[in-house]
Amino acid sequence: MAQRCFLSAKIHGARITCANLEYRGSISIDTALMKAVGLLPYEQVDVYNLDNGERLTTYAIPGATGEICLNGAAAHKGAVGQRVIIAAYTWLGEEEARTHTPMVAIADNNNGVDEIIECDMTPDF
């Protein structure tokens, strides 16, 4: 059976706290944010910069409290203070998709968890 790609986790509106060009890649994310949406270390994520429109794909690594750091080449895609969306996706069959619940964390001004949203993916058709 064919699978489709769905959102599994999203951190919305986190602020970039550092950009480290000399690190060998990835994005460091506050572990509380990672836990809130179920992101695991080294999981692939897409990063969408709300302020300049840049997009990139990388992997998540645990960061310090409040940290959102673009590492390696990703450091060219954003500047300290800019806001980003961090999203992870999963492939699901039709039955799994009908009961899947993506987790979304809205970040506060210090990259803490302001709100958790459990998205209702139950189609009514």
N, C-alpha and C. Protein backbone atom coordinates (compact mmCIF):
# COMPACT_ATOMS: atom_id res chain seq x y z
N MET A 1 0.84 -1.18 0.00
CA MET A 1 0.00 0.00 0.00
C MET A 1 0.89 1.25 0.00
N ALA A 2 0.49 2.24 -0.76
CA ALA A 2 1.26 3.48 -0.86
C ALA A 2 1.22 4.25 0.46
N GLN A 3 2.31 4.93 0.72
CA GLN A 3 2.36 5.78 1.90
C GLN A 3 2.41 7.24 1.46
N ARG A 4 2.01 8.12 2.38
CA ARG A 4 2.07 9.56 2.14
C ARG A 4 2.86 10.19 3.28
N CYS A 5 3.40 11.36 3.01
CA CYS A 5 4.23 12.06 3.98
C CYS A 5 3.39 13.08 4.74
N PHE A 6 3.45 13.00 6.10
CA PHE A 6 2.67 13.89 6.96
C PHE A 6 3.57 14.56 7.99
N LEU A 7 3.14 15.71 8.47
CA LEU A 7 3.83 16.39 9.55
C LEU A 7 3.79 15.50 10.79
N SER A 8 4.94 15.36 11.46
CA SER A 8 4.96 14.61 12.72
C SER A 8 5.25 15.53 13.91
N ALA A 9 6.08 16.55 13.70
CA ALA A 9 6.46 17.44 14.79
C ALA A 9 6.78 18.82 14.23
N LYS A 10 6.43 19.86 15.01
CA LYS A 10 6.71 21.21 14.56
C LYS A 10 6.97 22.11 15.76
N ILE A 11 8.01 22.91 15.65
CA ILE A 11 8.31 23.97 16.62
C ILE A 11 8.13 25.27 15.85
N HIS A 12 7.19 26.09 16.29
CA HIS A 12 6.83 27.29 15.54
C HIS A 12 7.30 28.55 16.26
N GLY A 13 8.02 29.40 15.53
CA GLY A 13 8.39 30.71 16.02
C GLY A 13 9.56 30.77 16.98
N ALA A 14 10.40 29.74 16.98
CA ALA A 14 11.61 29.78 17.82
C ALA A 14 12.58 30.82 17.27
N ARG A 15 13.34 31.44 18.15
CA ARG A 15 14.30 32.46 17.73
C ARG A 15 15.71 31.87 17.67
N ILE A 16 16.41 32.20 16.60
CA ILE A 16 17.81 31.77 16.46
C ILE A 16 18.64 32.49 17.51
N THR A 17 19.40 31.72 18.29
CA THR A 17 20.24 32.31 19.35
C THR A 17 21.71 32.34 18.96
N CYS A 18 22.10 31.52 17.98
CA CYS A 18 23.48 31.55 17.51
C CYS A 18 23.56 30.90 16.14
N ALA A 19 24.62 31.20 15.43
CA ALA A 19 24.92 30.62 14.13
C ALA A 19 26.41 30.30 14.14
N ASN A 20 26.74 29.02 14.12
CA ASN A 20 28.12 28.57 14.28
C ASN A 20 28.61 27.91 12.99
N LEU A 21 29.22 28.71 12.13
CA LEU A 21 29.68 28.24 10.84
C LEU A 21 30.71 27.12 10.96
N GLU A 22 31.52 27.12 12.00
CA GLU A 22 32.61 26.15 12.13
C GLU A 22 32.18 24.79 12.67
N TYR A 23 30.94 24.67 13.14
CA TYR A 23 30.45 23.36 13.57
C TYR A 23 30.17 22.53 12.32
N ARG A 24 30.21 21.23 12.42
CA ARG A 24 30.11 20.38 11.23
C ARG A 24 28.69 20.07 10.77
N GLY A 25 27.73 20.80 11.19
CA GLY A 25 26.38 20.63 10.65
C GLY A 25 25.32 20.42 11.69
N SER A 26 24.08 20.66 11.33
CA SER A 26 22.90 20.40 12.13
C SER A 26 22.30 21.67 12.72
N ILE A 27 21.27 21.47 13.53
CA ILE A 27 20.66 22.56 14.29
C ILE A 27 20.55 22.10 15.73
N SER A 28 21.07 22.90 16.66
CA SER A 28 20.94 22.62 18.09
C SER A 28 19.61 23.18 18.55
N ILE A 29 18.81 22.34 19.24
CA ILE A 29 17.48 22.74 19.68
C ILE A 29 17.35 22.47 21.17
N ASP A 30 16.83 23.43 21.89
CA ASP A 30 16.53 23.27 23.32
C ASP A 30 15.86 21.91 23.53
N THR A 31 16.39 21.11 24.44
CA THR A 31 15.86 19.76 24.65
C THR A 31 14.41 19.76 25.11
N ALA A 32 13.98 20.79 25.83
CA ALA A 32 12.58 20.85 26.26
C ALA A 32 11.65 20.98 25.05
N LEU A 33 12.07 21.75 24.05
CA LEU A 33 11.29 21.86 22.83
C LEU A 33 11.28 20.54 22.07
N MET A 34 12.44 19.89 22.01
CA MET A 34 12.52 18.60 21.32
C MET A 34 11.56 17.59 21.97
N LYS A 35 11.63 17.51 23.30
CA LYS A 35 10.77 16.56 24.03
C LYS A 35 9.30 16.89 23.84
N ALA A 36 8.96 18.17 23.84
CA ALA A 36 7.57 18.58 23.74
C ALA A 36 6.89 18.09 22.46
N VAL A 37 7.66 17.99 21.38
CA VAL A 37 7.08 17.56 20.11
C VAL A 37 7.53 16.16 19.69
N GLY A 38 8.38 15.54 20.50
CA GLY A 38 8.82 14.18 20.20
C GLY A 38 9.95 14.07 19.20
N LEU A 39 10.73 15.11 19.02
CA LEU A 39 11.91 15.04 18.13
C LEU A 39 13.03 14.27 18.82
N LEU A 40 13.70 13.42 18.09
CA LEU A 40 14.82 12.66 18.63
C LEU A 40 16.14 13.22 18.10
N PRO A 41 17.22 13.04 18.87
CA PRO A 41 18.53 13.45 18.37
C PRO A 41 18.83 12.79 17.02
N TYR A 42 19.35 13.56 16.11
CA TYR A 42 19.76 13.15 14.77
C TYR A 42 18.59 12.90 13.83
N GLU A 43 17.38 13.26 14.26
CA GLU A 43 16.23 13.15 13.36
C GLU A 43 16.29 14.26 12.32
N GLN A 44 15.92 13.93 11.10
CA GLN A 44 15.91 14.92 10.02
C GLN A 44 14.83 15.96 10.27
N VAL A 45 15.18 17.22 10.05
CA VAL A 45 14.22 18.32 10.18
C VAL A 45 14.40 19.30 9.02
N ASP A 46 13.31 19.97 8.71
CA ASP A 46 13.36 21.10 7.79
C ASP A 46 13.27 22.35 8.65
N VAL A 47 13.99 23.38 8.25
CA VAL A 47 13.99 24.65 8.97
C VAL A 47 13.54 25.72 7.98
N TYR A 48 12.50 26.45 8.37
CA TYR A 48 11.94 27.51 7.54
C TYR A 48 12.13 28.84 8.27
N ASN A 49 12.88 29.74 7.69
CA ASN A 49 13.15 31.03 8.32
C ASN A 49 11.99 31.98 8.02
N LEU A 50 11.27 32.38 9.07
CA LEU A 50 10.11 33.26 8.91
C LEU A 50 10.51 34.67 8.48
N ASP A 51 11.72 35.08 8.76
CA ASP A 51 12.12 36.46 8.50
C ASP A 51 12.78 36.68 7.13
N ASN A 52 13.42 35.66 6.58
CA ASN A 52 14.07 35.87 5.28
C ASN A 52 13.66 34.85 4.21
N GLY A 53 12.81 33.89 4.57
CA GLY A 53 12.32 32.92 3.60
C GLY A 53 13.25 31.77 3.30
N GLU A 54 14.44 31.75 3.88
CA GLU A 54 15.38 30.65 3.63
C GLU A 54 14.83 29.34 4.18
N ARG A 55 15.20 28.24 3.51
CA ARG A 55 14.79 26.90 3.93
C ARG A 55 15.99 25.97 3.86
N LEU A 56 16.01 25.00 4.75
CA LEU A 56 17.09 24.01 4.71
C LEU A 56 16.64 22.72 5.37
N THR A 57 17.32 21.66 5.03
CA THR A 57 17.11 20.36 5.65
C THR A 57 18.39 19.98 6.37
N THR A 58 18.27 19.53 7.61
CA THR A 58 19.42 19.13 8.41
C THR A 58 18.94 18.10 9.43
N TYR A 59 19.66 17.96 10.52
CA TYR A 59 19.24 17.06 11.59
C TYR A 59 19.35 17.78 12.93
N ALA A 60 18.50 17.34 13.85
CA ALA A 60 18.42 17.97 15.16
C ALA A 60 19.42 17.37 16.13
N ILE A 61 20.05 18.23 16.94
CA ILE A 61 20.86 17.75 18.06
C ILE A 61 20.42 18.50 19.31
N PRO A 62 20.51 17.85 20.47
CA PRO A 62 20.08 18.52 21.70
C PRO A 62 20.92 19.75 21.99
N GLY A 63 20.23 20.82 22.36
CA GLY A 63 20.90 22.07 22.71
C GLY A 63 20.63 22.45 24.15
N ALA A 64 21.27 23.51 24.57
CA ALA A 64 21.11 24.03 25.93
C ALA A 64 19.74 24.72 26.06
N THR A 65 19.39 25.05 27.27
CA THR A 65 18.13 25.74 27.54
C THR A 65 18.03 27.02 26.71
N GLY A 66 16.95 27.14 25.94
CA GLY A 66 16.71 28.31 25.12
C GLY A 66 17.46 28.35 23.80
N GLU A 67 18.29 27.36 23.54
CA GLU A 67 19.16 27.40 22.36
C GLU A 67 18.46 26.94 21.08
N ILE A 68 18.63 27.73 20.05
CA ILE A 68 18.32 27.36 18.67
C ILE A 68 19.54 27.86 17.88
N CYS A 69 20.41 26.93 17.48
CA CYS A 69 21.66 27.33 16.85
C CYS A 69 21.81 26.65 15.49
N LEU A 70 21.95 27.46 14.45
CA LEU A 70 22.23 26.94 13.12
C LEU A 70 23.71 26.64 13.04
N ASN A 71 24.04 25.40 12.75
CA ASN A 71 25.44 24.96 12.73
C ASN A 71 25.91 24.64 11.32
N GLY A 72 27.20 24.81 11.08
CA GLY A 72 27.79 24.50 9.78
C GLY A 72 27.23 25.39 8.69
N ALA A 73 27.04 24.81 7.51
CA ALA A 73 26.54 25.58 6.36
C ALA A 73 25.19 26.23 6.65
N ALA A 74 24.39 25.63 7.53
CA ALA A 74 23.09 26.18 7.89
C ALA A 74 23.22 27.58 8.50
N ALA A 75 24.38 27.88 9.05
CA ALA A 75 24.60 29.19 9.67
C ALA A 75 24.42 30.34 8.67
N HIS A 76 24.56 30.04 7.39
CA HIS A 76 24.37 31.06 6.35
C HIS A 76 22.89 31.38 6.11
N LYS A 77 21.99 30.56 6.64
CA LYS A 77 20.56 30.67 6.34
C LYS A 77 19.78 31.51 7.33
N GLY A 78 20.43 31.98 8.40
CA GLY A 78 19.71 32.78 9.37
C GLY A 78 20.64 33.54 10.28
N ALA A 79 20.10 34.54 10.95
CA ALA A 79 20.87 35.38 11.86
C ALA A 79 20.23 35.36 13.24
N VAL A 80 21.02 35.64 14.24
CA VAL A 80 20.54 35.69 15.61
C VAL A 80 19.33 36.63 15.68
N GLY A 81 18.28 36.18 16.34
CA GLY A 81 17.07 36.96 16.51
C GLY A 81 15.98 36.65 15.50
N GLN A 82 16.35 36.04 14.38
CA GLN A 82 15.33 35.69 13.39
C GLN A 82 14.52 34.50 13.90
N ARG A 83 13.27 34.42 13.44
CA ARG A 83 12.37 33.36 13.87
C ARG A 83 12.31 32.24 12.83
N VAL A 84 12.21 31.02 13.32
CA VAL A 84 12.17 29.86 12.43
C VAL A 84 11.04 28.91 12.82
N ILE A 85 10.65 28.10 11.85
CA ILE A 85 9.79 26.95 12.07
C ILE A 85 10.67 25.74 11.83
N ILE A 86 10.61 24.77 12.73
CA ILE A 86 11.37 23.53 12.60
C ILE A 86 10.34 22.41 12.48
N ALA A 87 10.41 21.64 11.40
CA ALA A 87 9.40 20.62 11.16
C ALA A 87 10.03 19.28 10.80
N ALA A 88 9.40 18.22 11.28
CA ALA A 88 9.80 16.85 10.93
C ALA A 88 8.57 16.16 10.34
N TYR A 89 8.82 15.21 9.47
CA TYR A 89 7.75 14.53 8.74
C TYR A 89 7.89 13.02 8.89
N THR A 90 6.80 12.32 8.66
CA THR A 90 6.81 10.86 8.73
C THR A 90 5.98 10.30 7.59
N TRP A 91 6.35 9.12 7.13
CA TRP A 91 5.60 8.44 6.08
C TRP A 91 4.62 7.48 6.74
N LEU A 92 3.35 7.58 6.34
CA LEU A 92 2.30 6.77 6.94
C LEU A 92 1.41 6.15 5.87
N GLY A 93 0.93 4.96 6.17
CA GLY A 93 -0.10 4.35 5.35
C GLY A 93 -1.43 5.00 5.67
N GLU A 94 -2.45 4.70 4.86
CA GLU A 94 -3.74 5.38 5.02
C GLU A 94 -4.36 5.14 6.40
N GLU A 95 -4.30 3.94 6.91
CA GLU A 95 -4.90 3.67 8.22
C GLU A 95 -4.17 4.43 9.33
N GLU A 96 -2.84 4.42 9.30
CA GLU A 96 -2.06 5.16 10.29
C GLU A 96 -2.36 6.67 10.20
N ALA A 97 -2.46 7.17 8.98
CA ALA A 97 -2.68 8.60 8.76
C ALA A 97 -4.00 9.06 9.36
N ARG A 98 -4.99 8.21 9.37
CA ARG A 98 -6.31 8.59 9.87
C ARG A 98 -6.34 8.76 11.39
N THR A 99 -5.33 8.25 12.08
CA THR A 99 -5.29 8.38 13.54
C THR A 99 -4.05 9.14 14.02
N HIS A 100 -3.22 9.56 13.09
CA HIS A 100 -1.97 10.26 13.43
C HIS A 100 -2.25 11.63 14.04
N THR A 101 -1.47 11.99 15.06
CA THR A 101 -1.61 13.30 15.70
C THR A 101 -0.27 14.01 15.75
N PRO A 102 -0.03 14.95 14.83
CA PRO A 102 1.22 15.72 14.89
C PRO A 102 1.25 16.57 16.16
N MET A 103 2.45 16.77 16.69
CA MET A 103 2.62 17.62 17.88
C MET A 103 3.26 18.93 17.44
N VAL A 104 2.68 20.03 17.90
CA VAL A 104 3.17 21.36 17.56
C VAL A 104 3.42 22.13 18.84
N ALA A 105 4.63 22.69 18.95
CA ALA A 105 4.95 23.57 20.08
C ALA A 105 5.11 24.99 19.55
N ILE A 106 4.43 25.91 20.20
CA ILE A 106 4.61 27.33 19.90
C ILE A 106 5.66 27.83 20.89
N ALA A 107 6.74 28.38 20.35
CA ALA A 107 7.83 28.85 21.22
C ALA A 107 7.53 30.25 21.76
N ASP A 108 7.97 30.49 22.99
CA ASP A 108 7.84 31.83 23.55
C ASP A 108 9.08 32.64 23.17
N ASN A 109 9.20 33.85 23.68
CA ASN A 109 10.33 34.73 23.32
C ASN A 109 11.69 34.22 23.77
N ASN A 110 11.71 33.28 24.72
CA ASN A 110 12.97 32.71 25.21
C ASN A 110 13.19 31.28 24.73
N ASN A 111 12.44 30.88 23.71
CA ASN A 111 12.49 29.53 23.16
C ASN A 111 12.04 28.47 24.15
N GLY A 112 11.19 28.87 25.06
CA GLY A 112 10.51 27.90 25.90
C GLY A 112 9.20 27.49 25.23
N VAL A 113 8.51 26.56 25.83
CA VAL A 113 7.23 26.10 25.28
C VAL A 113 6.13 27.03 25.78
N ASP A 114 5.54 27.77 24.87
CA ASP A 114 4.43 28.66 25.22
C ASP A 114 3.10 27.91 25.17
N GLU A 115 2.97 27.04 24.16
CA GLU A 115 1.72 26.31 23.97
C GLU A 115 2.01 25.02 23.20
N ILE A 116 1.28 23.97 23.53
CA ILE A 116 1.34 22.71 22.79
C ILE A 116 0.00 22.52 22.09
N ILE A 117 0.06 22.19 20.82
CA ILE A 117 -1.15 21.95 20.05
C ILE A 117 -1.09 20.53 19.51
N GLU A 118 -2.09 19.74 19.81
CA GLU A 118 -2.23 18.41 19.21
C GLU A 118 -3.17 18.57 18.03
N CYS A 119 -2.63 18.43 16.84
CA CYS A 119 -3.42 18.65 15.63
C CYS A 119 -4.37 17.48 15.39
N ASP A 120 -5.61 17.79 15.12
CA ASP A 120 -6.59 16.76 14.83
C ASP A 120 -6.51 16.41 13.35
N MET A 121 -6.01 15.23 13.07
CA MET A 121 -5.86 14.79 11.68
C MET A 121 -7.00 13.86 11.26
N THR A 122 -8.00 13.70 12.09
CA THR A 122 -9.08 12.79 11.77
C THR A 122 -9.96 13.42 10.69
N PRO A 123 -9.86 12.90 9.47
CA PRO A 123 -10.68 13.48 8.41
C PRO A 123 -12.15 13.15 8.63
N ASP A 124 -13.01 14.10 8.30
CA ASP A 124 -14.43 13.85 8.44
C ASP A 124 -15.07 13.52 7.10
N PHE A 125 -14.29 12.96 6.23
CA PHE A 125 -14.81 12.54 4.91
C PHE A 125 -14.36 11.14 4.59
